[in-house]
N, C-alpha and C. Protein backbone atom coordinates (compact mmCIF):
# COMPACT_ATOMS: atom_id res chain seq x y z
N MET A 1 -17.72 -50.30 39.42
CA MET A 1 -17.76 -48.89 39.36
C MET A 1 -16.47 -48.35 38.74
N ALA A 2 -15.34 -48.93 39.13
CA ALA A 2 -14.07 -48.49 38.58
C ALA A 2 -14.02 -48.78 37.09
N ILE A 3 -14.59 -49.90 36.65
CA ILE A 3 -14.61 -50.23 35.23
C ILE A 3 -15.46 -49.21 34.48
N MET A 4 -16.57 -48.82 35.06
CA MET A 4 -17.43 -47.83 34.43
C MET A 4 -16.71 -46.49 34.30
N ALA A 5 -15.99 -46.06 35.33
CA ALA A 5 -15.26 -44.80 35.29
C ALA A 5 -14.17 -44.87 34.23
N MET A 6 -13.49 -46.00 34.12
CA MET A 6 -12.45 -46.17 33.09
C MET A 6 -13.06 -46.10 31.70
N GLY A 7 -14.24 -46.67 31.54
CA GLY A 7 -14.91 -46.62 30.25
C GLY A 7 -15.27 -45.19 29.87
N VAL A 8 -15.79 -44.40 30.80
CA VAL A 8 -16.14 -43.01 30.55
C VAL A 8 -14.87 -42.21 30.25
N LEU A 9 -13.79 -42.47 30.99
CA LEU A 9 -12.53 -41.79 30.76
C LEU A 9 -11.98 -42.14 29.38
N ALA A 10 -12.06 -43.39 28.99
CA ALA A 10 -11.56 -43.82 27.68
C ALA A 10 -12.36 -43.15 26.57
N VAL A 11 -13.66 -43.05 26.71
CA VAL A 11 -14.49 -42.39 25.70
C VAL A 11 -14.12 -40.91 25.61
N GLY A 12 -13.92 -40.25 26.76
CA GLY A 12 -13.55 -38.83 26.77
C GLY A 12 -12.20 -38.60 26.12
N VAL A 13 -11.22 -39.44 26.41
CA VAL A 13 -9.89 -39.31 25.81
C VAL A 13 -9.96 -39.56 24.31
N THR A 14 -10.72 -40.56 23.89
CA THR A 14 -10.86 -40.87 22.47
C THR A 14 -11.49 -39.70 21.74
N GLN A 15 -12.52 -39.10 22.32
CA GLN A 15 -13.17 -37.96 21.69
C GLN A 15 -12.22 -36.76 21.63
N ALA A 16 -11.45 -36.54 22.68
CA ALA A 16 -10.51 -35.42 22.69
C ALA A 16 -9.43 -35.63 21.63
N MET A 17 -8.96 -36.87 21.47
CA MET A 17 -7.92 -37.15 20.48
C MET A 17 -8.48 -37.02 19.07
N ALA A 18 -9.75 -37.31 18.88
CA ALA A 18 -10.35 -37.25 17.56
C ALA A 18 -10.76 -35.83 17.18
N ALA A 19 -10.81 -34.95 18.14
CA ALA A 19 -11.23 -33.58 17.85
C ALA A 19 -10.24 -32.92 16.89
N LYS A 20 -10.80 -32.22 15.93
CA LYS A 20 -9.97 -31.52 14.93
C LYS A 20 -9.42 -30.25 15.56
N PRO A 21 -8.19 -29.89 15.19
CA PRO A 21 -7.66 -28.63 15.71
C PRO A 21 -8.48 -27.46 15.17
N LYS A 22 -8.59 -26.43 15.99
CA LYS A 22 -9.35 -25.26 15.58
C LYS A 22 -8.63 -24.58 14.42
N ALA A 23 -9.39 -24.20 13.41
CA ALA A 23 -8.83 -23.47 12.27
C ALA A 23 -8.55 -22.04 12.69
N LYS A 24 -7.48 -21.50 12.13
CA LYS A 24 -7.17 -20.09 12.41
C LYS A 24 -8.29 -19.24 11.83
N PRO A 25 -8.64 -18.17 12.53
CA PRO A 25 -9.66 -17.29 11.96
C PRO A 25 -9.12 -16.66 10.68
N LYS A 26 -9.99 -16.55 9.70
CA LYS A 26 -9.59 -15.96 8.42
C LYS A 26 -9.40 -14.46 8.59
N ALA A 27 -8.29 -13.95 8.05
CA ALA A 27 -8.02 -12.52 8.14
C ALA A 27 -9.07 -11.75 7.35
N LYS A 28 -9.54 -10.67 7.93
CA LYS A 28 -10.54 -9.84 7.26
C LYS A 28 -9.89 -8.55 6.79
N PRO A 29 -10.30 -8.05 5.62
CA PRO A 29 -9.74 -6.80 5.14
C PRO A 29 -10.14 -5.62 6.02
N VAL A 30 -9.22 -4.68 6.15
CA VAL A 30 -9.45 -3.46 6.93
C VAL A 30 -9.33 -2.28 5.97
N LYS A 31 -10.30 -1.40 6.02
CA LYS A 31 -10.25 -0.20 5.18
C LYS A 31 -9.26 0.78 5.81
N VAL A 32 -8.26 1.17 5.03
CA VAL A 32 -7.23 2.08 5.50
C VAL A 32 -7.17 3.29 4.57
N THR A 33 -7.13 4.48 5.15
CA THR A 33 -6.95 5.69 4.35
C THR A 33 -5.60 6.29 4.70
N CYS A 34 -4.88 6.71 3.67
CA CYS A 34 -3.55 7.29 3.85
C CYS A 34 -3.43 8.58 3.04
N LYS A 35 -2.57 9.46 3.54
CA LYS A 35 -2.23 10.68 2.80
C LYS A 35 -0.71 10.73 2.72
N ALA A 36 -0.21 10.81 1.50
CA ALA A 36 1.24 10.89 1.29
C ALA A 36 1.58 12.24 0.65
N SER A 37 2.67 12.82 1.09
CA SER A 37 3.20 14.04 0.50
C SER A 37 4.61 13.72 0.03
N VAL A 38 4.78 13.57 -1.28
CA VAL A 38 6.07 13.15 -1.83
C VAL A 38 6.60 14.16 -2.83
N GLY A 39 7.91 14.17 -2.97
CA GLY A 39 8.55 15.05 -3.94
C GLY A 39 9.43 14.24 -4.87
N THR A 40 9.51 14.67 -6.12
CA THR A 40 10.33 13.98 -7.12
C THR A 40 11.79 14.35 -6.88
N MET A 41 12.64 13.36 -6.87
CA MET A 41 14.07 13.56 -6.64
C MET A 41 14.79 13.85 -7.96
N PRO A 42 15.83 14.67 -7.91
CA PRO A 42 16.63 14.90 -9.13
C PRO A 42 17.29 13.60 -9.59
N ALA A 43 17.43 13.45 -10.89
CA ALA A 43 18.09 12.26 -11.45
C ALA A 43 19.56 12.27 -11.03
N ALA A 44 20.21 11.12 -11.09
CA ALA A 44 21.62 11.00 -10.74
C ALA A 44 22.44 12.01 -11.54
N GLY A 45 23.30 12.74 -10.85
CA GLY A 45 24.14 13.73 -11.49
C GLY A 45 23.48 15.07 -11.73
N GLU A 46 22.21 15.21 -11.38
CA GLU A 46 21.47 16.47 -11.55
C GLU A 46 21.26 17.12 -10.19
N ASP A 47 21.05 18.44 -10.18
CA ASP A 47 20.77 19.11 -8.92
C ASP A 47 19.38 19.74 -8.88
N SER A 48 18.56 19.50 -9.91
CA SER A 48 17.20 20.01 -9.91
C SER A 48 16.30 19.09 -10.73
N VAL A 49 15.00 19.34 -10.61
CA VAL A 49 14.00 18.56 -11.34
C VAL A 49 13.27 19.51 -12.27
N LEU A 50 13.24 19.19 -13.56
CA LEU A 50 12.53 20.01 -14.54
C LEU A 50 11.37 19.19 -15.11
N PRO A 51 10.12 19.49 -14.70
CA PRO A 51 8.98 18.72 -15.21
C PRO A 51 8.73 18.98 -16.68
N PRO A 52 8.07 18.11 -17.36
CA PRO A 52 7.57 16.83 -16.87
C PRO A 52 8.69 15.79 -16.82
N VAL A 53 8.73 15.07 -15.74
CA VAL A 53 9.74 14.03 -15.53
C VAL A 53 9.22 12.74 -16.14
N GLN A 54 10.00 12.13 -17.01
CA GLN A 54 9.58 10.91 -17.71
C GLN A 54 9.63 9.67 -16.81
N GLN A 55 10.59 9.65 -15.91
CA GLN A 55 10.67 8.56 -14.93
C GLN A 55 11.52 9.05 -13.78
N GLY A 56 11.31 8.45 -12.62
CA GLY A 56 12.08 8.90 -11.48
C GLY A 56 11.65 8.27 -10.18
N SER A 57 12.10 8.90 -9.11
CA SER A 57 11.80 8.42 -7.75
C SER A 57 11.23 9.57 -6.94
N GLN A 58 10.38 9.20 -5.99
CA GLN A 58 9.78 10.18 -5.10
C GLN A 58 9.91 9.67 -3.66
N TYR A 59 10.05 10.60 -2.73
CA TYR A 59 10.13 10.27 -1.31
C TYR A 59 9.33 11.29 -0.52
N GLY A 60 8.81 10.85 0.63
CA GLY A 60 8.09 11.78 1.49
C GLY A 60 7.38 11.08 2.62
N ALA A 61 6.61 11.85 3.36
CA ALA A 61 5.88 11.34 4.53
C ALA A 61 4.56 10.70 4.10
N VAL A 62 4.14 9.69 4.87
CA VAL A 62 2.83 9.08 4.68
C VAL A 62 2.18 8.92 6.05
N HIS A 63 0.90 9.28 6.12
CA HIS A 63 0.14 9.18 7.37
C HIS A 63 -1.13 8.38 7.07
N CYS A 64 -1.31 7.28 7.81
CA CYS A 64 -2.44 6.39 7.59
C CYS A 64 -3.28 6.26 8.86
N ALA A 65 -4.59 6.22 8.66
CA ALA A 65 -5.50 5.95 9.76
C ALA A 65 -5.57 4.43 9.93
N LYS A 66 -5.73 3.96 11.14
CA LYS A 66 -5.85 2.53 11.45
C LYS A 66 -4.62 1.75 11.01
N LEU A 67 -4.41 0.64 11.58
CA LEU A 67 -3.48 -0.41 11.19
C LEU A 67 -2.04 0.03 10.94
N LEU A 68 -1.80 1.00 10.08
CA LEU A 68 -0.44 1.31 9.64
C LEU A 68 0.25 2.41 10.44
N GLY A 69 -0.37 3.55 10.63
CA GLY A 69 0.26 4.67 11.34
C GLY A 69 0.97 5.61 10.39
N SER A 70 2.05 6.23 10.86
CA SER A 70 2.81 7.19 10.06
C SER A 70 4.17 6.61 9.71
N GLY A 71 4.69 7.05 8.56
CA GLY A 71 5.99 6.56 8.13
C GLY A 71 6.51 7.34 6.94
N VAL A 72 7.29 6.65 6.12
CA VAL A 72 7.92 7.24 4.95
C VAL A 72 7.51 6.44 3.72
N GLN A 73 7.26 7.14 2.62
CA GLN A 73 6.93 6.47 1.37
C GLN A 73 8.04 6.72 0.36
N ALA A 74 8.37 5.70 -0.40
CA ALA A 74 9.30 5.80 -1.52
C ALA A 74 8.62 5.15 -2.72
N ASP A 75 8.72 5.78 -3.89
CA ASP A 75 8.16 5.15 -5.07
C ASP A 75 9.02 5.45 -6.29
N SER A 76 8.86 4.62 -7.29
CA SER A 76 9.49 4.86 -8.59
C SER A 76 8.36 4.86 -9.61
N PHE A 77 8.47 5.72 -10.62
CA PHE A 77 7.37 5.86 -11.57
C PHE A 77 7.90 6.06 -12.99
N THR A 78 7.01 5.81 -13.93
CA THR A 78 7.26 6.08 -15.35
C THR A 78 6.06 6.83 -15.90
N LEU A 79 6.33 7.92 -16.62
CA LEU A 79 5.28 8.69 -17.29
C LEU A 79 5.13 8.10 -18.69
N LEU A 80 3.96 7.55 -18.98
CA LEU A 80 3.71 6.93 -20.28
C LEU A 80 3.36 7.98 -21.32
N ASP A 81 3.46 7.62 -22.60
CA ASP A 81 3.12 8.55 -23.69
C ASP A 81 1.69 9.07 -23.59
N THR A 82 0.81 8.30 -22.95
CA THR A 82 -0.59 8.70 -22.79
C THR A 82 -0.77 9.76 -21.72
N GLY A 83 0.28 10.02 -20.92
CA GLY A 83 0.17 10.94 -19.80
C GLY A 83 -0.11 10.23 -18.49
N ASP A 84 -0.32 8.92 -18.55
CA ASP A 84 -0.57 8.13 -17.35
C ASP A 84 0.74 7.85 -16.62
N LEU A 85 0.64 7.61 -15.32
CA LEU A 85 1.79 7.24 -14.50
C LEU A 85 1.62 5.82 -14.00
N GLN A 86 2.69 5.05 -14.02
CA GLN A 86 2.69 3.71 -13.45
C GLN A 86 3.94 3.56 -12.60
N GLY A 87 3.84 2.76 -11.55
CA GLY A 87 5.02 2.58 -10.73
C GLY A 87 4.86 1.59 -9.61
N LYS A 88 5.91 1.55 -8.80
CA LYS A 88 5.96 0.69 -7.62
C LYS A 88 6.21 1.58 -6.42
N TYR A 89 5.71 1.15 -5.26
CA TYR A 89 5.88 1.95 -4.05
C TYR A 89 6.19 1.06 -2.86
N ALA A 90 6.75 1.67 -1.82
CA ALA A 90 6.94 1.02 -0.52
C ALA A 90 6.65 2.07 0.54
N GLN A 91 5.96 1.63 1.58
CA GLN A 91 5.69 2.50 2.72
C GLN A 91 6.34 1.86 3.94
N TYR A 92 7.18 2.62 4.62
CA TYR A 92 7.97 2.13 5.74
C TYR A 92 7.38 2.65 7.04
N PHE A 93 6.97 1.72 7.92
CA PHE A 93 6.39 2.06 9.21
C PHE A 93 7.24 1.46 10.32
N GLY A 94 6.99 1.83 11.55
CA GLY A 94 7.79 1.36 12.67
C GLY A 94 7.81 -0.15 12.87
N VAL A 95 6.74 -0.84 12.48
CA VAL A 95 6.66 -2.28 12.73
C VAL A 95 6.66 -3.12 11.44
N GLY A 96 6.92 -2.49 10.30
CA GLY A 96 6.97 -3.24 9.05
C GLY A 96 6.74 -2.35 7.85
N THR A 97 6.74 -2.97 6.68
CA THR A 97 6.53 -2.23 5.43
C THR A 97 5.35 -2.81 4.67
N ILE A 98 4.83 -1.98 3.78
CA ILE A 98 3.80 -2.37 2.82
C ILE A 98 4.37 -1.98 1.45
N HIS A 99 4.21 -2.85 0.46
CA HIS A 99 4.67 -2.47 -0.88
C HIS A 99 3.69 -2.97 -1.94
N GLY A 100 3.81 -2.36 -3.14
CA GLY A 100 2.90 -2.76 -4.21
C GLY A 100 3.10 -1.91 -5.45
N THR A 101 2.03 -1.78 -6.22
CA THR A 101 2.08 -1.06 -7.50
C THR A 101 0.94 -0.05 -7.57
N PHE A 102 1.08 0.89 -8.50
CA PHE A 102 0.01 1.85 -8.73
C PHE A 102 -0.07 2.20 -10.21
N ALA A 103 -1.24 2.63 -10.64
CA ALA A 103 -1.48 3.09 -12.01
C ALA A 103 -2.40 4.30 -11.91
N LEU A 104 -1.95 5.43 -12.48
CA LEU A 104 -2.70 6.67 -12.40
C LEU A 104 -2.99 7.22 -13.79
N THR A 105 -4.20 7.71 -13.99
CA THR A 105 -4.60 8.35 -15.24
C THR A 105 -4.78 9.83 -14.97
N ALA A 106 -4.23 10.67 -15.86
CA ALA A 106 -4.34 12.12 -15.71
C ALA A 106 -5.80 12.54 -15.82
N ASP A 107 -6.26 13.35 -14.88
CA ASP A 107 -7.62 13.87 -14.92
C ASP A 107 -7.75 14.97 -15.96
N ASP A 108 -6.70 15.75 -16.15
CA ASP A 108 -6.69 16.86 -17.10
C ASP A 108 -5.48 16.71 -18.00
N THR A 109 -5.69 16.49 -19.26
CA THR A 109 -4.58 16.27 -20.18
C THR A 109 -4.28 17.49 -21.05
N SER A 110 -4.81 18.66 -20.68
CA SER A 110 -4.52 19.86 -21.47
C SER A 110 -3.09 20.32 -21.20
N PRO A 111 -2.45 20.96 -22.20
CA PRO A 111 -1.07 21.40 -22.01
C PRO A 111 -0.99 22.57 -21.03
N PRO A 112 0.20 22.85 -20.50
CA PRO A 112 0.37 23.99 -19.59
C PRO A 112 -0.01 25.29 -20.29
N SER A 113 -0.32 26.30 -19.49
CA SER A 113 -0.74 27.58 -20.05
C SER A 113 0.41 28.32 -20.73
N SER A 114 1.64 27.93 -20.47
CA SER A 114 2.82 28.58 -21.05
C SER A 114 3.92 27.53 -21.19
N THR A 115 4.84 27.72 -22.11
CA THR A 115 5.92 26.76 -22.28
C THR A 115 6.99 26.91 -21.20
N THR A 116 6.92 27.95 -20.38
CA THR A 116 7.92 28.15 -19.33
C THR A 116 7.38 27.85 -17.94
N THR A 117 6.11 27.49 -17.82
CA THR A 117 5.54 27.12 -16.53
C THR A 117 4.81 25.80 -16.66
N PHE A 118 4.52 25.20 -15.55
CA PHE A 118 3.79 23.94 -15.54
C PHE A 118 2.54 24.12 -14.71
N ALA A 119 1.42 23.80 -15.32
CA ALA A 119 0.14 23.92 -14.63
C ALA A 119 0.00 22.80 -13.62
N SER A 120 -0.95 22.98 -12.74
CA SER A 120 -1.23 21.92 -11.78
C SER A 120 -1.77 20.71 -12.53
N VAL A 121 -1.59 19.55 -11.94
CA VAL A 121 -2.03 18.31 -12.57
C VAL A 121 -2.65 17.42 -11.50
N SER A 122 -3.63 16.63 -11.89
CA SER A 122 -4.21 15.67 -10.95
C SER A 122 -4.39 14.33 -11.65
N TYR A 123 -4.36 13.29 -10.84
CA TYR A 123 -4.45 11.92 -11.33
C TYR A 123 -5.42 11.13 -10.47
N THR A 124 -6.08 10.16 -11.08
CA THR A 124 -6.93 9.21 -10.36
C THR A 124 -6.57 7.83 -10.85
N GLY A 125 -6.55 6.86 -9.93
CA GLY A 125 -6.20 5.52 -10.36
C GLY A 125 -6.37 4.48 -9.28
N THR A 126 -5.57 3.44 -9.42
CA THR A 126 -5.66 2.30 -8.52
C THR A 126 -4.32 2.04 -7.85
N ILE A 127 -4.40 1.42 -6.68
CA ILE A 127 -3.21 1.03 -5.94
C ILE A 127 -3.41 -0.41 -5.49
N LYS A 128 -2.34 -1.18 -5.53
CA LYS A 128 -2.43 -2.58 -5.16
C LYS A 128 -1.33 -2.89 -4.14
N VAL A 129 -1.70 -3.54 -3.04
CA VAL A 129 -0.75 -4.00 -2.04
C VAL A 129 -0.38 -5.43 -2.42
N THR A 130 0.91 -5.68 -2.64
CA THR A 130 1.34 -7.02 -3.06
C THR A 130 2.17 -7.73 -2.00
N GLY A 131 2.46 -7.08 -0.89
CA GLY A 131 3.23 -7.74 0.16
C GLY A 131 3.65 -6.78 1.24
N GLY A 132 4.41 -7.32 2.18
CA GLY A 132 4.91 -6.51 3.28
C GLY A 132 5.94 -7.27 4.08
N THR A 133 6.43 -6.62 5.12
CA THR A 133 7.39 -7.23 6.02
C THR A 133 6.96 -6.97 7.45
N GLY A 134 7.61 -7.63 8.39
CA GLY A 134 7.31 -7.42 9.81
C GLY A 134 5.86 -7.72 10.13
N ALA A 135 5.20 -6.79 10.82
CA ALA A 135 3.80 -6.98 11.21
C ALA A 135 2.86 -7.06 10.02
N PHE A 136 3.33 -6.63 8.84
CA PHE A 136 2.48 -6.62 7.64
C PHE A 136 2.91 -7.69 6.63
N LYS A 137 3.62 -8.71 7.11
CA LYS A 137 4.09 -9.79 6.24
C LYS A 137 2.91 -10.42 5.51
N LYS A 138 3.08 -10.62 4.23
CA LYS A 138 2.07 -11.23 3.35
C LYS A 138 0.79 -10.39 3.22
N ALA A 139 0.89 -9.09 3.43
CA ALA A 139 -0.27 -8.21 3.28
C ALA A 139 -0.69 -8.17 1.81
N THR A 140 -1.98 -8.05 1.58
CA THR A 140 -2.53 -7.89 0.23
C THR A 140 -3.65 -6.87 0.30
N GLY A 141 -4.01 -6.35 -0.85
CA GLY A 141 -5.12 -5.42 -0.88
C GLY A 141 -5.15 -4.62 -2.15
N GLN A 142 -6.20 -3.84 -2.29
CA GLN A 142 -6.32 -2.96 -3.44
C GLN A 142 -7.26 -1.82 -3.09
N GLY A 143 -7.13 -0.76 -3.87
CA GLY A 143 -7.97 0.39 -3.60
C GLY A 143 -7.80 1.48 -4.63
N THR A 144 -8.17 2.69 -4.23
CA THR A 144 -8.13 3.84 -5.13
C THR A 144 -7.08 4.83 -4.66
N LEU A 145 -6.60 5.60 -5.61
CA LEU A 145 -5.54 6.57 -5.35
C LEU A 145 -5.87 7.84 -6.12
N LYS A 146 -5.75 8.98 -5.46
CA LYS A 146 -5.98 10.27 -6.10
C LYS A 146 -4.82 11.17 -5.72
N CYS A 147 -4.12 11.69 -6.73
CA CYS A 147 -2.94 12.52 -6.50
C CYS A 147 -3.08 13.85 -7.22
N ALA A 148 -2.46 14.88 -6.66
CA ALA A 148 -2.47 16.21 -7.27
C ALA A 148 -1.12 16.86 -7.05
N SER A 149 -0.75 17.73 -7.99
CA SER A 149 0.50 18.49 -7.89
C SER A 149 0.26 19.89 -8.44
N VAL A 150 0.84 20.88 -7.77
CA VAL A 150 0.72 22.26 -8.24
C VAL A 150 1.87 22.62 -9.18
N ASP A 151 2.91 21.78 -9.23
CA ASP A 151 4.08 22.11 -10.03
C ASP A 151 4.71 20.94 -10.79
N GLY A 152 4.13 19.76 -10.71
CA GLY A 152 4.68 18.58 -11.39
C GLY A 152 5.86 17.95 -10.66
N VAL A 153 6.20 18.46 -9.47
CA VAL A 153 7.32 17.94 -8.69
C VAL A 153 6.86 17.47 -7.31
N HIS A 154 6.01 18.24 -6.67
CA HIS A 154 5.51 17.94 -5.33
C HIS A 154 4.08 17.40 -5.45
N PHE A 155 3.85 16.21 -4.90
CA PHE A 155 2.54 15.56 -5.03
C PHE A 155 1.94 15.28 -3.66
N THR A 156 0.63 15.42 -3.58
CA THR A 156 -0.13 14.99 -2.42
C THR A 156 -1.08 13.92 -2.92
N CYS A 157 -1.04 12.77 -2.28
CA CYS A 157 -1.87 11.64 -2.71
C CYS A 157 -2.73 11.13 -1.56
N ASN A 158 -3.97 10.82 -1.86
CA ASN A 158 -4.89 10.21 -0.91
C ASN A 158 -5.25 8.84 -1.42
N GLU A 159 -5.10 7.84 -0.55
CA GLU A 159 -5.43 6.48 -0.94
C GLU A 159 -6.42 5.87 0.03
N THR A 160 -7.29 5.06 -0.50
CA THR A 160 -8.22 4.28 0.29
C THR A 160 -8.04 2.83 -0.16
N VAL A 161 -7.58 1.99 0.76
CA VAL A 161 -7.22 0.61 0.43
C VAL A 161 -7.86 -0.34 1.43
N ARG A 162 -8.31 -1.47 0.93
CA ARG A 162 -8.77 -2.55 1.80
C ARG A 162 -7.59 -3.51 1.92
N VAL A 163 -6.96 -3.52 3.10
CA VAL A 163 -5.74 -4.30 3.33
C VAL A 163 -6.07 -5.52 4.19
N THR A 164 -5.54 -6.66 3.79
CA THR A 164 -5.67 -7.89 4.57
C THR A 164 -4.27 -8.32 4.99
N VAL A 165 -4.09 -8.50 6.30
CA VAL A 165 -2.82 -8.97 6.83
C VAL A 165 -3.10 -10.30 7.54
N PRO A 166 -2.59 -11.41 6.98
CA PRO A 166 -2.82 -12.72 7.62
C PRO A 166 -2.20 -12.76 9.01
N ALA A 167 -2.81 -13.51 9.90
CA ALA A 167 -2.28 -13.67 11.26
C ALA A 167 -0.94 -14.38 11.20
N ALA A 168 -0.04 -14.01 12.09
CA ALA A 168 1.29 -14.64 12.13
C ALA A 168 1.13 -16.12 12.50
N SER A 169 1.99 -16.96 11.88
CA SER A 169 1.90 -18.39 12.19
C SER A 169 2.85 -18.78 13.28
């Protein structure tokens, strides 16, 4: 009887040792919507912003549903000859950052109504998440971005992104 019990125990131990470790569950993308309100900063040595700005930096608040929360956004951009905007961004949250790139195409390319004022402008394009830090380390994703400005300096942007954040190892 003792030999039989040892045999059953040996088979159980052998099977347990041969068992493969469980694979980590694959991270699934989460749909995140954010609203950012950013303003263009004056260039170094300047005390004001005169649109259209060919390149520069913007800073402001960002509020996201799910996953991210509220924080601060910083971006740098270049206005292309076509009227399109391209740039890089970072969003800073309490538990980490998200960063990536964006490309925006002007919805209305007509000139301002006067040479002394700037008409409102809107853009539609894409946003890409290329990484992160903290809780969002190795985040990836992509989505759509829609921005509008009443003066070429202050922008409100709405983004919808499918973000994947791998589980911490």
